[in-house]
Structure formats: C-alpha cells, structure tokens
Amino acid sequence: MKVNYDAATDTLTVILREAPVAESDEDKSGVILDYDHSGDLISIEVLDASQRVEEPRSVTLTA
C-alpha cells in the first residue's frame, strides 16, 4: 500500500495495490474510488485533502 499527498493539487491518494484503473466512481463529492477490471477497489483519492483530512502530510500506521 502507498499513500501520497500532492500539495500542488491538494490530493491525497491511497493506493491499495498497483493495477490499471478500469472504472472510477465519485460516490461522495471529492472522494474518488478507483476499481480494476474485476471490480476490486485499488485506490482512493481525496480531493481538497487539506480541508478533509487531519494532517494530510503525515501517516500513522497501527498494527
């Protein structure tokens, strides 16, 4: 899994696994879900992340 914050576009992307995007869906405004050809979720994009996510430039992992 990879997490990337792009300050230039204020976009937070969580990539669950690398695969070509076959379909994207914006169920809620500003949150885009990307799916592979099998319909499995592969990434989540959060637009205007600095307004929606607490500290988009840092990640805390818990086990």
Foldseek 3Di string as FASTA:
>chain_A
DDWDADPVQRKIKDFQDDDDFPDWDCPDPQWIWTAHPVRHTGMIMGGNNVVPDDPSVDDDDDD
